[in-house]
Amino acid sequence: TPLTLAGGAAAALGYGLIAGRQEAQEFNRTLVLTGNQAGLTVGSLTAMAERLDALGTTQGKASESLLAFVRAGRVGADSLERFTKAAIDLEKVGGPAVEETAKAFADLGKDPLQASLKLNEATGFLTASVYEQIKALVDQGKTVEAAKVAQESYYLTVTTQAPLLAQQLGLVERAWNGIKA
């Protein structure tokens, strides 16, 4: 009946408003607790979550993943959305959890040379030239630049791993990912 439909629509709207408010509160809480190292606002995180939602994930998963990156720290605001999207895509096809990928990016931001060597043992993401570039920048005291090189190199690896893993998925796994997205 029309009354039932109207009631259902009102309930859905109410749930959406509550969920949006909770998301904003969690963004704000995380920004405060991390000293807003990311240099973002609740509005900018919400906008990122909405854009990620439009790219094939849910806004809830996007928000949760952005929070993992903000909590991990050491990822610049200009890279946060791209890195988060790559981590979500990798997790979807059987790669590590978003939180693990966020930690790897954060570690690369803290100590680019040592974290690159450690991460390379597990992923093989470093080429000799990238290693030399990171090492040279660290030796020159340009740690921020070295971190950016390390993170961008790892980002390229993550974005190439996801499609390769997706090709290995069976029919049931692909169907399940289509339902979850």
N, C-alpha and C. Protein backbone atom coordinates (compact mmCIF):
# COMPACT_ATOMS: atom_id res chain seq x y z
N THR A 1 0.84 -1.18 0.00
CA THR A 1 0.00 0.00 0.00
C THR A 1 0.89 1.25 0.00
N PRO A 2 0.32 2.36 -0.41
CA PRO A 2 1.10 3.60 -0.42
C PRO A 2 1.61 3.99 0.96
N LEU A 3 0.82 3.73 1.99
CA LEU A 3 1.24 4.07 3.35
C LEU A 3 2.45 3.24 3.77
N THR A 4 2.47 1.98 3.41
CA THR A 4 3.59 1.10 3.73
C THR A 4 4.85 1.56 2.99
N LEU A 5 4.69 1.91 1.71
CA LEU A 5 5.83 2.41 0.92
C LEU A 5 6.38 3.70 1.51
N ALA A 6 5.50 4.60 1.91
CA ALA A 6 5.94 5.86 2.50
C ALA A 6 6.66 5.61 3.82
N GLY A 7 6.16 4.69 4.60
CA GLY A 7 6.81 4.35 5.87
C GLY A 7 8.19 3.75 5.65
N GLY A 8 8.29 2.90 4.65
CA GLY A 8 9.58 2.29 4.31
C GLY A 8 10.58 3.32 3.83
N ALA A 9 10.10 4.26 3.02
CA ALA A 9 10.98 5.32 2.52
C ALA A 9 11.44 6.21 3.66
N ALA A 10 10.56 6.51 4.58
CA ALA A 10 10.93 7.34 5.73
C ALA A 10 11.94 6.62 6.61
N ALA A 11 11.76 5.33 6.79
CA ALA A 11 12.71 4.55 7.60
C ALA A 11 14.08 4.52 6.92
N ALA A 12 14.09 4.33 5.61
CA ALA A 12 15.36 4.31 4.87
C ALA A 12 16.07 5.65 4.95
N LEU A 13 15.29 6.73 4.83
CA LEU A 13 15.87 8.07 4.93
C LEU A 13 16.44 8.30 6.33
N GLY A 14 15.69 7.89 7.34
CA GLY A 14 16.15 8.04 8.72
C GLY A 14 17.43 7.25 8.96
N TYR A 15 17.49 6.03 8.44
CA TYR A 15 18.69 5.20 8.60
C TYR A 15 19.87 5.87 7.89
N GLY A 16 19.64 6.40 6.70
CA GLY A 16 20.70 7.07 5.96
C GLY A 16 21.25 8.28 6.71
N LEU A 17 20.36 9.04 7.31
CA LEU A 17 20.79 10.21 8.06
C LEU A 17 21.60 9.81 9.29
N ILE A 18 21.14 8.78 9.97
CA ILE A 18 21.87 8.31 11.16
C ILE A 18 23.23 7.75 10.75
N ALA A 19 23.28 6.96 9.69
CA ALA A 19 24.55 6.38 9.23
C ALA A 19 25.51 7.49 8.80
N GLY A 20 24.99 8.48 8.10
CA GLY A 20 25.84 9.61 7.69
C GLY A 20 26.38 10.39 8.87
N ARG A 21 25.56 10.56 9.87
CA ARG A 21 25.99 11.27 11.08
C ARG A 21 27.06 10.47 11.81
N GLN A 22 26.85 9.15 11.91
CA GLN A 22 27.83 8.29 12.58
C GLN A 22 29.16 8.29 11.81
N GLU A 23 29.08 8.27 10.49
CA GLU A 23 30.29 8.30 9.67
C GLU A 23 31.06 9.60 9.92
N ALA A 24 30.35 10.71 9.92
CA ALA A 24 31.00 12.01 10.16
C ALA A 24 31.62 12.07 11.56
N GLN A 25 30.91 11.52 12.55
CA GLN A 25 31.45 11.50 13.91
C GLN A 25 32.73 10.66 13.98
N GLU A 26 32.75 9.53 13.29
CA GLU A 26 33.93 8.67 13.30
C GLU A 26 35.09 9.34 12.57
N PHE A 27 34.81 10.00 11.46
CA PHE A 27 35.86 10.76 10.76
C PHE A 27 36.43 11.82 11.70
N ASN A 28 35.56 12.58 12.34
CA ASN A 28 36.00 13.64 13.23
C ASN A 28 36.81 13.08 14.40
N ARG A 29 36.32 12.02 15.00
CA ARG A 29 37.01 11.39 16.13
C ARG A 29 38.42 10.93 15.71
N THR A 30 38.52 10.30 14.56
CA THR A 30 39.81 9.80 14.09
C THR A 30 40.76 10.95 13.77
N LEU A 31 40.24 12.01 13.16
CA LEU A 31 41.09 13.17 12.87
C LEU A 31 41.62 13.79 14.16
N VAL A 32 40.78 13.87 15.17
CA VAL A 32 41.21 14.44 16.45
C VAL A 32 42.25 13.53 17.11
N LEU A 33 41.98 12.23 17.16
CA LEU A 33 42.87 11.30 17.84
C LEU A 33 44.23 11.15 17.14
N THR A 34 44.28 11.42 15.86
CA THR A 34 45.56 11.33 15.13
C THR A 34 46.23 12.68 15.00
N GLY A 35 45.66 13.69 15.65
CA GLY A 35 46.24 15.02 15.53
C GLY A 35 46.10 15.58 14.13
N ASN A 36 45.17 15.03 13.38
CA ASN A 36 44.91 15.40 11.99
C ASN A 36 46.21 15.51 11.18
N GLN A 37 47.06 14.49 11.32
CA GLN A 37 48.29 14.44 10.55
C GLN A 37 48.03 14.46 9.05
N ALA A 38 46.88 13.96 8.65
CA ALA A 38 46.54 13.91 7.23
C ALA A 38 46.19 15.30 6.68
N GLY A 39 45.85 16.24 7.57
CA GLY A 39 45.51 17.59 7.13
C GLY A 39 44.20 17.64 6.37
N LEU A 40 43.23 16.85 6.79
CA LEU A 40 41.95 16.76 6.09
C LEU A 40 40.82 17.27 6.97
N THR A 41 39.66 17.39 6.37
CA THR A 41 38.46 17.75 7.10
C THR A 41 37.47 16.60 7.00
N VAL A 42 36.47 16.63 7.85
CA VAL A 42 35.41 15.63 7.78
C VAL A 42 34.74 15.69 6.40
N GLY A 43 34.52 16.89 5.91
CA GLY A 43 33.90 17.06 4.60
C GLY A 43 34.72 16.46 3.48
N SER A 44 36.05 16.63 3.54
CA SER A 44 36.89 16.07 2.47
C SER A 44 36.91 14.55 2.54
N LEU A 45 36.92 13.98 3.75
CA LEU A 45 36.86 12.52 3.87
C LEU A 45 35.51 11.97 3.39
N THR A 46 34.45 12.68 3.71
CA THR A 46 33.12 12.27 3.25
C THR A 46 33.06 12.30 1.73
N ALA A 47 33.60 13.35 1.13
CA ALA A 47 33.61 13.45 -0.34
C ALA A 47 34.43 12.32 -0.96
N MET A 48 35.56 11.98 -0.33
CA MET A 48 36.37 10.86 -0.83
C MET A 48 35.59 9.55 -0.76
N ALA A 49 34.91 9.33 0.36
CA ALA A 49 34.12 8.11 0.52
C ALA A 49 33.02 8.03 -0.54
N GLU A 50 32.40 9.16 -0.84
CA GLU A 50 31.35 9.18 -1.86
C GLU A 50 31.93 8.87 -3.24
N ARG A 51 33.12 9.43 -3.54
CA ARG A 51 33.74 9.14 -4.84
C ARG A 51 34.15 7.67 -4.94
N LEU A 52 34.69 7.12 -3.85
CA LEU A 52 35.06 5.72 -3.86
C LEU A 52 33.83 4.83 -4.00
N ASP A 53 32.72 5.23 -3.38
CA ASP A 53 31.46 4.51 -3.51
C ASP A 53 31.05 4.45 -4.98
N ALA A 54 31.22 5.54 -5.69
CA ALA A 54 30.86 5.59 -7.11
C ALA A 54 31.78 4.74 -7.97
N LEU A 55 32.96 4.38 -7.44
CA LEU A 55 33.93 3.60 -8.21
C LEU A 55 33.83 2.10 -7.95
N GLY A 56 32.77 1.67 -7.30
CA GLY A 56 32.55 0.24 -7.20
C GLY A 56 32.71 -0.38 -5.83
N THR A 57 32.67 0.38 -4.80
CA THR A 57 32.64 -0.18 -3.45
C THR A 57 31.46 0.45 -2.73
N THR A 58 31.22 0.08 -1.51
CA THR A 58 30.15 0.73 -0.77
C THR A 58 30.73 1.93 -0.03
N GLN A 59 29.90 2.87 0.30
CA GLN A 59 30.40 4.03 1.04
C GLN A 59 30.87 3.61 2.42
N GLY A 60 30.23 2.62 2.99
CA GLY A 60 30.66 2.12 4.29
C GLY A 60 32.06 1.53 4.23
N LYS A 61 32.34 0.71 3.20
CA LYS A 61 33.67 0.13 3.03
C LYS A 61 34.68 1.23 2.73
N ALA A 62 34.29 2.19 1.93
CA ALA A 62 35.19 3.30 1.60
C ALA A 62 35.53 4.08 2.86
N SER A 63 34.55 4.37 3.69
CA SER A 63 34.78 5.13 4.93
C SER A 63 35.68 4.35 5.87
N GLU A 64 35.39 3.07 6.04
CA GLU A 64 36.19 2.21 6.91
C GLU A 64 37.65 2.16 6.42
N SER A 65 37.83 2.08 5.12
CA SER A 65 39.17 1.99 4.54
C SER A 65 39.92 3.31 4.66
N LEU A 66 39.23 4.41 4.41
CA LEU A 66 39.87 5.72 4.59
C LEU A 66 40.31 5.90 6.04
N LEU A 67 39.46 5.48 6.97
CA LEU A 67 39.82 5.58 8.39
C LEU A 67 41.06 4.75 8.70
N ALA A 68 41.19 3.58 8.07
CA ALA A 68 42.38 2.74 8.30
C ALA A 68 43.63 3.47 7.86
N PHE A 69 43.56 4.17 6.73
CA PHE A 69 44.72 4.92 6.24
C PHE A 69 45.01 6.13 7.12
N VAL A 70 43.97 6.82 7.55
CA VAL A 70 44.18 8.00 8.41
C VAL A 70 44.79 7.55 9.74
N ARG A 71 44.28 6.46 10.30
CA ARG A 71 44.81 5.95 11.57
C ARG A 71 46.27 5.51 11.43
N ALA A 72 46.59 4.89 10.30
CA ALA A 72 47.96 4.41 10.09
C ALA A 72 48.93 5.57 9.96
N GLY A 73 48.45 6.68 9.40
CA GLY A 73 49.29 7.88 9.27
C GLY A 73 50.29 7.80 8.13
N ARG A 74 51.02 8.86 7.97
CA ARG A 74 52.13 8.97 7.03
C ARG A 74 51.76 8.80 5.56
N VAL A 75 50.50 9.07 5.24
CA VAL A 75 50.06 9.09 3.84
C VAL A 75 49.52 10.47 3.58
N GLY A 76 50.07 11.14 2.58
CA GLY A 76 49.66 12.50 2.28
C GLY A 76 48.22 12.58 1.79
N ALA A 77 47.61 13.70 2.06
CA ALA A 77 46.21 13.92 1.67
C ALA A 77 46.03 13.77 0.16
N ASP A 78 47.04 14.16 -0.61
CA ASP A 78 46.93 14.09 -2.06
C ASP A 78 46.95 12.65 -2.58
N SER A 79 47.44 11.71 -1.78
CA SER A 79 47.52 10.30 -2.20
C SER A 79 46.51 9.41 -1.51
N LEU A 80 45.88 9.90 -0.48
CA LEU A 80 45.02 9.08 0.36
C LEU A 80 43.93 8.34 -0.41
N GLU A 81 43.23 9.04 -1.26
CA GLU A 81 42.12 8.43 -1.99
C GLU A 81 42.61 7.35 -2.96
N ARG A 82 43.69 7.64 -3.69
CA ARG A 82 44.23 6.66 -4.65
C ARG A 82 44.72 5.40 -3.93
N PHE A 83 45.47 5.61 -2.85
CA PHE A 83 46.01 4.47 -2.11
C PHE A 83 44.88 3.64 -1.50
N THR A 84 43.86 4.31 -0.99
CA THR A 84 42.72 3.61 -0.40
C THR A 84 41.99 2.78 -1.45
N LYS A 85 41.76 3.35 -2.60
CA LYS A 85 41.09 2.63 -3.70
C LYS A 85 41.89 1.39 -4.09
N ALA A 86 43.21 1.55 -4.21
CA ALA A 86 44.06 0.42 -4.59
C ALA A 86 43.99 -0.68 -3.52
N ALA A 87 43.99 -0.30 -2.25
CA ALA A 87 43.93 -1.27 -1.16
C ALA A 87 42.60 -2.01 -1.15
N ILE A 88 41.51 -1.29 -1.40
CA ILE A 88 40.18 -1.92 -1.46
C ILE A 88 40.15 -2.92 -2.61
N ASP A 89 40.64 -2.51 -3.77
CA ASP A 89 40.63 -3.39 -4.94
C ASP A 89 41.45 -4.65 -4.70
N LEU A 90 42.59 -4.49 -4.04
CA LEU A 90 43.44 -5.64 -3.75
C LEU A 90 42.77 -6.59 -2.76
N GLU A 91 42.16 -6.03 -1.74
CA GLU A 91 41.47 -6.87 -0.76
C GLU A 91 40.32 -7.64 -1.40
N LYS A 92 39.59 -7.00 -2.31
CA LYS A 92 38.43 -7.62 -2.96
C LYS A 92 38.79 -8.91 -3.70
N VAL A 93 40.02 -8.98 -4.21
CA VAL A 93 40.40 -10.14 -5.02
C VAL A 93 41.29 -11.11 -4.26
N GLY A 94 41.28 -11.01 -2.93
CA GLY A 94 42.00 -11.97 -2.12
C GLY A 94 43.35 -11.51 -1.62
N GLY A 95 43.68 -10.25 -1.84
CA GLY A 95 44.93 -9.72 -1.32
C GLY A 95 44.80 -9.42 0.16
N PRO A 96 45.81 -8.80 0.73
CA PRO A 96 45.75 -8.50 2.17
C PRO A 96 44.63 -7.53 2.51
N ALA A 97 44.25 -7.55 3.77
CA ALA A 97 43.21 -6.64 4.25
C ALA A 97 43.67 -5.20 4.07
N VAL A 98 42.72 -4.31 3.91
CA VAL A 98 43.02 -2.89 3.72
C VAL A 98 43.92 -2.38 4.85
N GLU A 99 43.64 -2.81 6.06
CA GLU A 99 44.44 -2.35 7.21
C GLU A 99 45.92 -2.71 7.05
N GLU A 100 46.21 -3.90 6.52
CA GLU A 100 47.60 -4.31 6.30
C GLU A 100 48.26 -3.45 5.23
N THR A 101 47.52 -3.18 4.16
CA THR A 101 48.06 -2.35 3.08
C THR A 101 48.27 -0.93 3.58
N ALA A 102 47.34 -0.42 4.38
CA ALA A 102 47.49 0.93 4.95
C ALA A 102 48.73 0.99 5.83
N LYS A 103 48.96 -0.05 6.61
CA LYS A 103 50.15 -0.09 7.47
C LYS A 103 51.42 -0.11 6.63
N ALA A 104 51.41 -0.84 5.53
CA ALA A 104 52.59 -0.89 4.66
C ALA A 104 52.89 0.51 4.11
N PHE A 105 51.86 1.21 3.65
CA PHE A 105 52.06 2.57 3.15
C PHE A 105 52.58 3.49 4.26
N ALA A 106 52.03 3.34 5.46
CA ALA A 106 52.47 4.17 6.59
C ALA A 106 53.93 3.88 6.94
N ASP A 107 54.30 2.61 6.95
CA ASP A 107 55.69 2.24 7.25
C ASP A 107 56.64 2.84 6.22
N LEU A 108 56.23 2.84 4.96
CA LEU A 108 57.05 3.44 3.91
C LEU A 108 57.20 4.94 4.14
N GLY A 109 56.19 5.56 4.72
CA GLY A 109 56.25 6.99 5.01
C GLY A 109 57.15 7.31 6.20
N LYS A 110 57.23 6.39 7.15
CA LYS A 110 58.03 6.63 8.36
C LYS A 110 59.52 6.41 8.12
N ASP A 111 59.85 5.29 7.51
CA ASP A 111 61.25 4.92 7.29
C ASP A 111 61.35 4.30 5.90
N PRO A 112 61.41 5.15 4.87
CA PRO A 112 61.29 4.65 3.50
C PRO A 112 62.29 3.57 3.11
N LEU A 113 63.53 3.70 3.52
CA LEU A 113 64.54 2.74 3.08
C LEU A 113 64.36 1.39 3.77
N GLN A 114 64.30 1.39 5.08
CA GLN A 114 64.17 0.12 5.81
C GLN A 114 62.82 -0.54 5.54
N ALA A 115 61.76 0.24 5.49
CA ALA A 115 60.43 -0.33 5.22
C ALA A 115 60.36 -0.90 3.81
N SER A 116 61.02 -0.23 2.87
CA SER A 116 61.04 -0.74 1.49
C SER A 116 61.74 -2.09 1.43
N LEU A 117 62.88 -2.20 2.12
CA LEU A 117 63.62 -3.46 2.13
C LEU A 117 62.79 -4.58 2.76
N LYS A 118 62.14 -4.27 3.87
CA LYS A 118 61.31 -5.26 4.56
C LYS A 118 60.11 -5.67 3.70
N LEU A 119 59.41 -4.69 3.15
CA LEU A 119 58.24 -4.96 2.32
C LEU A 119 58.65 -5.70 1.05
N ASN A 120 59.82 -5.40 0.54
CA ASN A 120 60.30 -6.06 -0.68
C ASN A 120 60.50 -7.55 -0.46
N GLU A 121 60.86 -7.95 0.76
CA GLU A 121 61.02 -9.37 1.06
C GLU A 121 59.72 -10.13 0.83
N ALA A 122 58.60 -9.50 1.11
CA ALA A 122 57.30 -10.16 0.98
C ALA A 122 56.67 -9.95 -0.39
N THR A 123 56.93 -8.80 -1.01
CA THR A 123 56.21 -8.47 -2.23
C THR A 123 57.06 -8.34 -3.48
N GLY A 124 58.36 -8.15 -3.32
CA GLY A 124 59.24 -7.99 -4.48
C GLY A 124 58.93 -6.74 -5.29
N PHE A 125 58.49 -5.68 -4.63
CA PHE A 125 58.06 -4.49 -5.36
C PHE A 125 59.20 -3.58 -5.79
N LEU A 126 60.37 -3.72 -5.18
CA LEU A 126 61.48 -2.81 -5.48
C LEU A 126 62.26 -3.25 -6.71
N THR A 127 62.56 -2.29 -7.54
CA THR A 127 63.54 -2.52 -8.60
C THR A 127 64.85 -1.93 -8.09
N ALA A 128 65.93 -2.28 -8.73
CA ALA A 128 67.24 -1.75 -8.32
C ALA A 128 67.27 -0.23 -8.44
N SER A 129 66.69 0.30 -9.51
CA SER A 129 66.73 1.75 -9.70
C SER A 129 65.88 2.48 -8.67
N VAL A 130 64.73 1.93 -8.30
CA VAL A 130 63.88 2.56 -7.27
C VAL A 130 64.60 2.51 -5.93
N TYR A 131 65.22 1.38 -5.62
CA TYR A 131 65.98 1.26 -4.37
C TYR A 131 67.08 2.32 -4.33
N GLU A 132 67.83 2.45 -5.40
CA GLU A 132 68.92 3.44 -5.44
C GLU A 132 68.38 4.86 -5.29
N GLN A 133 67.24 5.13 -5.90
CA GLN A 133 66.63 6.45 -5.80
C GLN A 133 66.21 6.74 -4.35
N ILE A 134 65.58 5.78 -3.70
CA ILE A 134 65.17 5.95 -2.30
C ILE A 134 66.40 6.14 -1.42
N LYS A 135 67.40 5.30 -1.61
CA LYS A 135 68.62 5.38 -0.81
C LYS A 135 69.31 6.73 -0.99
N ALA A 136 69.42 7.19 -2.22
CA ALA A 136 70.07 8.48 -2.48
C ALA A 136 69.32 9.62 -1.79
N LEU A 137 68.00 9.60 -1.86
CA LEU A 137 67.21 10.64 -1.21
C LEU A 137 67.36 10.60 0.30
N VAL A 138 67.36 9.40 0.88
CA VAL A 138 67.56 9.28 2.33
C VAL A 138 68.95 9.78 2.71
N ASP A 139 69.96 9.40 1.93
CA ASP A 139 71.33 9.84 2.21
C ASP A 139 71.47 11.37 2.14
N GLN A 140 70.64 12.00 1.31
CA GLN A 140 70.66 13.46 1.19
C GLN A 140 69.78 14.13 2.24
N GLY A 141 69.15 13.33 3.08
CA GLY A 141 68.29 13.89 4.12
C GLY A 141 66.90 14.25 3.62
N LYS A 142 66.55 13.80 2.45
CA LYS A 142 65.25 14.10 1.84
C LYS A 142 64.29 12.93 2.09
N THR A 143 63.97 12.74 3.36
CA THR A 143 63.15 11.59 3.75
C THR A 143 61.73 11.67 3.20
N VAL A 144 61.16 12.86 3.16
CA VAL A 144 59.79 13.01 2.65
C VAL A 144 59.75 12.62 1.17
N GLU A 145 60.73 13.06 0.41
CA GLU A 145 60.77 12.72 -1.01
C GLU A 145 61.01 11.22 -1.20
N ALA A 146 61.88 10.65 -0.35
CA ALA A 146 62.14 9.20 -0.41
C ALA A 146 60.86 8.42 -0.11
N ALA A 147 60.11 8.89 0.88
CA ALA A 147 58.86 8.23 1.23
C ALA A 147 57.88 8.28 0.07
N LYS A 148 57.81 9.40 -0.59
CA LYS A 148 56.90 9.54 -1.74
C LYS A 148 57.27 8.56 -2.86
N VAL A 149 58.58 8.45 -3.13
CA VAL A 149 59.04 7.51 -4.16
C VAL A 149 58.68 6.08 -3.77
N ALA A 150 58.94 5.72 -2.51
CA ALA A 150 58.65 4.37 -2.03
C ALA A 150 57.15 4.07 -2.10
N GLN A 151 56.33 5.02 -1.63
CA GLN A 151 54.89 4.81 -1.63
C GLN A 151 54.33 4.72 -3.05
N GLU A 152 54.82 5.57 -3.94
CA GLU A 152 54.33 5.53 -5.33
C GLU A 152 54.72 4.21 -6.00
N SER A 153 55.92 3.72 -5.71
CA SER A 153 56.36 2.46 -6.28
C SER A 153 55.49 1.31 -5.76
N TYR A 154 55.21 1.33 -4.47
CA TYR A 154 54.35 0.29 -3.91
C TYR A 154 52.93 0.40 -4.46
N TYR A 155 52.45 1.62 -4.62
CA TYR A 155 51.12 1.84 -5.20
C TYR A 155 51.02 1.20 -6.59
N LEU A 156 52.05 1.40 -7.41
CA LEU A 156 52.05 0.80 -8.75
C LEU A 156 52.01 -0.72 -8.67
N THR A 157 52.71 -1.27 -7.70
CA THR A 157 52.69 -2.72 -7.52
C THR A 157 51.30 -3.19 -7.11
N VAL A 158 50.70 -2.51 -6.15
CA VAL A 158 49.36 -2.90 -5.68
C VAL A 158 48.35 -2.82 -6.82
N THR A 159 48.44 -1.77 -7.63
CA THR A 159 47.46 -1.61 -8.72
C THR A 159 47.68 -2.62 -9.84
N THR A 160 48.86 -3.19 -9.94
CA THR A 160 49.06 -4.24 -10.95
C THR A 160 48.74 -5.62 -10.38
N GLN A 161 48.88 -5.79 -9.05
CA GLN A 161 48.58 -7.09 -8.44
C GLN A 161 47.08 -7.39 -8.46
N ALA A 162 46.26 -6.39 -8.21
CA ALA A 162 44.81 -6.63 -8.12
C ALA A 162 44.24 -7.26 -9.39
N PRO A 163 44.52 -6.71 -10.58
CA PRO A 163 43.98 -7.35 -11.79
C PRO A 163 44.54 -8.76 -12.01
N LEU A 164 45.80 -8.98 -11.65
CA LEU A 164 46.38 -10.32 -11.80
C LEU A 164 45.69 -11.32 -10.88
N LEU A 165 45.42 -10.91 -9.65
CA LEU A 165 44.69 -11.78 -8.73
C LEU A 165 43.26 -12.00 -9.20
N ALA A 166 42.65 -10.97 -9.75
CA ALA A 166 41.27 -11.08 -10.24
C ALA A 166 41.17 -12.12 -11.36
N GLN A 167 42.19 -12.20 -12.19
CA GLN A 167 42.19 -13.19 -13.27
C GLN A 167 42.24 -14.62 -12.74
N GLN A 168 42.77 -14.78 -11.53
CA GLN A 168 42.90 -16.11 -10.94
C GLN A 168 41.65 -16.56 -10.20
N LEU A 169 40.70 -15.65 -10.03
CA LEU A 169 39.48 -16.00 -9.30
C LEU A 169 38.63 -16.97 -10.11
N GLY A 170 37.98 -17.88 -9.41
CA GLY A 170 37.06 -18.79 -10.07
C GLY A 170 35.71 -18.12 -10.31
N LEU A 171 34.83 -18.85 -10.97
CA LEU A 171 33.51 -18.33 -11.33
C LEU A 171 32.71 -17.94 -10.09
N VAL A 172 32.72 -18.77 -9.05
CA VAL A 172 31.94 -18.50 -7.85
C VAL A 172 32.50 -17.26 -7.14
N GLU A 173 33.83 -17.16 -7.05
CA GLU A 173 34.44 -16.01 -6.38
C GLU A 173 34.14 -14.70 -7.12
N ARG A 174 34.19 -14.75 -8.46
CA ARG A 174 33.86 -13.55 -9.24
C ARG A 174 32.40 -13.16 -9.04
N ALA A 175 31.52 -14.14 -9.02
CA ALA A 175 30.10 -13.85 -8.80
C ALA A 175 29.89 -13.25 -7.42
N TRP A 176 30.56 -13.82 -6.41
CA TRP A 176 30.42 -13.32 -5.05
C TRP A 176 30.92 -11.87 -4.96
N ASN A 177 32.05 -11.57 -5.59
CA ASN A 177 32.57 -10.19 -5.60
C ASN A 177 31.59 -9.25 -6.30
N GLY A 178 30.91 -9.73 -7.32
CA GLY A 178 29.91 -8.91 -7.98
C GLY A 178 28.73 -8.61 -7.10
N ILE A 179 28.37 -9.55 -6.26
CA ILE A 179 27.25 -9.35 -5.31
C ILE A 179 27.68 -8.39 -4.21
N LYS A 180 28.89 -8.57 -3.67
CA LYS A 180 29.38 -7.74 -2.56
C LYS A 180 29.57 -6.29 -2.98
N ALA A 181 30.00 -6.06 -4.23
CA ALA A 181 30.25 -4.69 -4.69
C ALA A 181 28.96 -4.00 -4.83
